C-alpha atoms as a PDB file:
ATOM      1  CA  MET A   1     -76.910  48.610  -2.768  1.00  0.00           C
ATOM      2  CA  SER A   2     -76.862  45.624  -0.405  1.00  0.00           C
ATOM      3  CA  TYR A   3     -76.435  41.894  -0.825  1.00  0.00           C
ATOM      4  CA  GLU A   4     -79.069  39.438   0.372  1.00  0.00           C
ATOM      5  CA  GLY A   5     -78.340  35.815  -0.405  1.00  0.00           C
ATOM      6  CA  ASN A   6     -80.881  33.467  -1.912  1.00  0.00           C
ATOM      7  CA  PRO A   7     -80.958  29.984  -0.325  1.00  0.00           C
ATOM      8  CA  LYS A   8     -81.496  28.280  -3.681  1.00  0.00           C
ATOM      9  CA  HIS A   9     -77.853  29.052  -4.552  1.00  0.00           C
ATOM     10  CA  LYS A  10     -76.435  27.419  -1.378  1.00  0.00           C
ATOM     11  CA  GLU A  11     -75.955  23.835  -0.186  1.00  0.00           C
ATOM     12  CA  PRO A  12     -77.869  21.675   0.321  1.00  0.00           C
ATOM     13  CA  TRP A  13     -79.448  21.607  -3.110  1.00  0.00           C
ATOM     14  CA  GLN A  14     -83.186  22.238  -2.848  1.00  0.00           C
ATOM     15  CA  ARG A  15     -85.458  19.870  -4.735  1.00  0.00           C
ATOM     16  CA  GLY A  16     -87.479  21.542  -7.462  1.00  0.00           C
ATOM     17  CA  ARG A  17     -85.385  24.738  -7.415  1.00  0.00           C
ATOM     18  CA  ARG A  18     -83.310  25.902 -10.346  1.00  0.00           C
ATOM     19  CA  GLY A  19     -80.089  27.814 -10.078  1.00  0.00           C
ATOM     20  CA  SER A  20     -76.352  27.326  -9.819  1.00  0.00           C
ATOM     21  CA  LEU A  21     -74.703  26.687  -6.466  1.00  0.00           C
ATOM     22  CA  CYS A  22     -72.251  29.183  -5.002  1.00  0.00           C
ATOM     23  CA  PRO A  23     -69.012  27.805  -3.587  1.00  0.00           C
ATOM     24  CA  ASN A  24     -68.997  27.531   0.218  1.00  0.00           C
ATOM     25  CA  GLU A  25     -66.234  30.136   0.566  1.00  0.00           C
ATOM     26  CA  ILE A  26     -68.565  32.856  -0.752  1.00  0.00           C
ATOM     27  CA  ASP A  27     -69.821  34.326   2.499  1.00  0.00           C
ATOM     28  CA  LEU A  28     -71.759  37.549   3.082  1.00  0.00           C
ATOM     29  CA  ARG A  29     -68.627  39.690   3.395  1.00  0.00           C
ATOM     30  CA  LEU A  30     -67.123  38.389   0.148  1.00  0.00           C
ATOM     31  CA  ALA A  31     -70.485  38.667  -1.640  1.00  0.00           C
ATOM     32  CA  MET A  32     -70.754  42.332  -0.587  1.00  0.00           C
ATOM     33  CA  THR A  33     -67.217  42.957  -1.875  1.00  0.00           C
ATOM     34  CA  LEU A  34     -68.004  41.325  -5.221  1.00  0.00           C
ATOM     35  CA  LEU A  35     -71.193  43.363  -5.532  1.00  0.00           C
ATOM     36  CA  ALA A  36     -69.315  46.582  -4.768  1.00  0.00           C
ATOM     37  CA  GLN A  37     -66.677  45.742  -7.416  1.00  0.00           C
ATOM     38  CA  SER A  38     -69.162  44.558 -10.022  1.00  0.00           C
ATOM     39  CA  GLU A  39     -69.756  46.046 -13.444  1.00  0.00           C
ATOM     40  CA  VAL A  40     -73.270  46.848 -14.614  1.00  0.00           C
ATOM     41  CA  SER A  41     -74.869  45.728 -17.864  1.00  0.00           C
ATOM     42  CA  GLY A  42     -78.572  46.351 -18.244  1.00  0.00           C
ATOM     43  CA  ARG A  43     -80.346  45.176 -15.100  1.00  0.00           C
ATOM     44  CA  LYS A  44     -77.548  42.827 -14.022  1.00  0.00           C
ATOM     45  CA  ARG A  45     -74.132  43.256 -12.445  1.00  0.00           C
ATOM     46  CA  TYR A  46     -71.105  41.026 -13.083  1.00  0.00           C
ATOM     47  CA  ALA A  47     -67.987  40.294 -11.055  1.00  0.00           C
ATOM     48  CA  ALA A  48     -65.093  37.843 -11.060  1.00  0.00           C
ATOM     49  CA  TYR A  49     -63.618  35.792  -8.227  1.00  0.00           C
ATOM     50  CA  GLN A  50     -60.837  33.216  -8.602  1.00  0.00           C
ATOM     51  CA  GLY A  51     -61.334  33.211 -12.364  1.00  0.00           C
ATOM     52  CA  LYS A  52     -65.056  32.495 -12.233  1.00  0.00           C
ATOM     53  CA  ALA A  53     -67.885  34.814 -13.234  1.00  0.00           C
ATOM     54  CA  TYR A  54     -70.752  35.860 -10.971  1.00  0.00           C
ATOM     55  CA  CYS A  55     -73.970  37.616 -11.886  1.00  0.00           C
ATOM     56  CA  ALA A  56     -76.125  39.673  -9.510  1.00  0.00           C
ATOM     57  CA  ARG A  57     -79.773  40.645  -9.907  1.00  0.00           C
ATOM     58  CA  GLU A  58     -81.785  43.141  -7.939  1.00  0.00           C
ATOM     59  CA  HIS A  59     -84.738  41.251  -6.443  1.00  0.00           C
ATOM     60  CA  ARG A  60     -86.052  44.134  -4.317  1.00  0.00           C
ATOM     61  CA  ASP A  61     -85.221  47.832  -4.260  1.00  0.00           C
ATOM     62  CA  GLY A  62     -81.540  48.054  -3.355  1.00  0.00           C
ATOM     63  CA  LEU A  63     -81.264  44.328  -2.519  1.00  0.00           C
ATOM     64  CA  TRP A  64     -79.271  42.045  -4.784  1.00  0.00           C
ATOM     65  CA  HIS A  65     -78.517  38.330  -4.880  1.00  0.00           C
ATOM     66  CA  GLY A  66     -75.795  36.686  -6.928  1.00  0.00           C
ATOM     67  CA  TYR A  67     -74.864  33.350  -8.413  1.00  0.00           C
ATOM     68  CA  PRO A  68     -72.114  31.803 -10.554  1.00  0.00           C
ATOM     69  CA  VAL A  69     -72.435  31.880 -14.346  1.00  0.00           C
ATOM     70  CA  GLY A  70     -70.278  30.741 -17.244  1.00  0.00           C
ATOM     71  CA  TRP A  71     -68.243  33.418 -18.977  1.00  0.00           C
ATOM     72  CA  SER A  72     -70.323  32.798 -22.095  1.00  0.00           C
ATOM     73  CA  GLU A  73     -73.247  34.467 -20.247  1.00  0.00           C
ATOM     74  CA  VAL A  74     -71.277  37.640 -19.478  1.00  0.00           C
ATOM     75  CA  PRO A  75     -71.672  40.401 -22.081  1.00  0.00           C
ATOM     76  CA  PRO A  76     -68.482  40.852 -24.148  1.00  0.00           C
ATOM     77  CA  GLU A  77     -68.019  44.497 -23.090  1.00  0.00           C
ATOM     78  CA  VAL A  78     -68.161  43.485 -19.406  1.00  0.00           C
ATOM     79  CA  ARG A  79     -65.704  40.604 -19.953  1.00  0.00           C
ATOM     80  CA  SER A  80     -63.291  43.021 -21.626  1.00  0.00           C
ATOM     81  CA  LEU A  81     -63.651  45.535 -18.806  1.00  0.00           C
ATOM     82  CA  LEU A  82     -63.003  42.903 -16.118  1.00  0.00           C
ATOM     83  CA  VAL A  83     -59.889  41.725 -17.991  1.00  0.00           C
ATOM     84  CA  GLN A  84     -58.726  45.315 -18.491  1.00  0.00           C
ATOM     85  CA  LYS A  85     -59.120  46.047 -14.755  1.00  0.00           C
ATOM     86  CA  GLY A  86     -57.118  42.915 -13.884  1.00  0.00           C
ATOM     87  CA  ARG A  87     -59.972  41.113 -12.112  1.00  0.00           C
ATOM     88  CA  VAL A  88     -59.701  38.099 -14.420  1.00  0.00           C
ATOM     89  CA  THR A  89     -57.294  36.886 -17.110  1.00  0.00           C
ATOM     90  CA  HIS A  90     -58.031  35.743 -20.654  1.00  0.00           C
ATOM     91  CA  ARG A  91     -56.827  32.274 -19.661  1.00  0.00           C
ATOM     92  CA  GLU A  92     -59.329  32.107 -16.769  1.00  0.00           C
ATOM     93  CA  VAL A  93     -62.158  33.245 -19.049  1.00  0.00           C
ATOM     94  CA  LYS A  94     -61.337  30.409 -21.466  1.00  0.00           C
ATOM     95  CA  ARG A  95     -61.030  27.898 -18.618  1.00  0.00           C
ATOM     96  CA  TYR A  96     -64.440  28.727 -17.118  1.00  0.00           C
ATOM     97  CA  TRP A  97     -66.286  29.555 -20.362  1.00  0.00           C
ATOM     98  CA  ASP A  98     -69.392  27.426 -19.656  1.00  0.00           C
END
């Protein structure tokens, strides 16, 4: 499992492309760490960093790219697991719900 970033989730915003922008501090090393610590649900993986939720999708065999999502998009069982493991707090989930 390896991380390969997708330019549509980085600055500068690309005209005609959809997708949420990753914060600038998310570099390759941090993205690999988040992927390694992520929890799987279906064909997606979810992680938390500084209270925010991130989703990863496999776009080629063994290659994943990730992007920020609102906590409302994270399956409830994954949210509970991330809270239980201390990767995010209930307060942070409420703060970054959408």
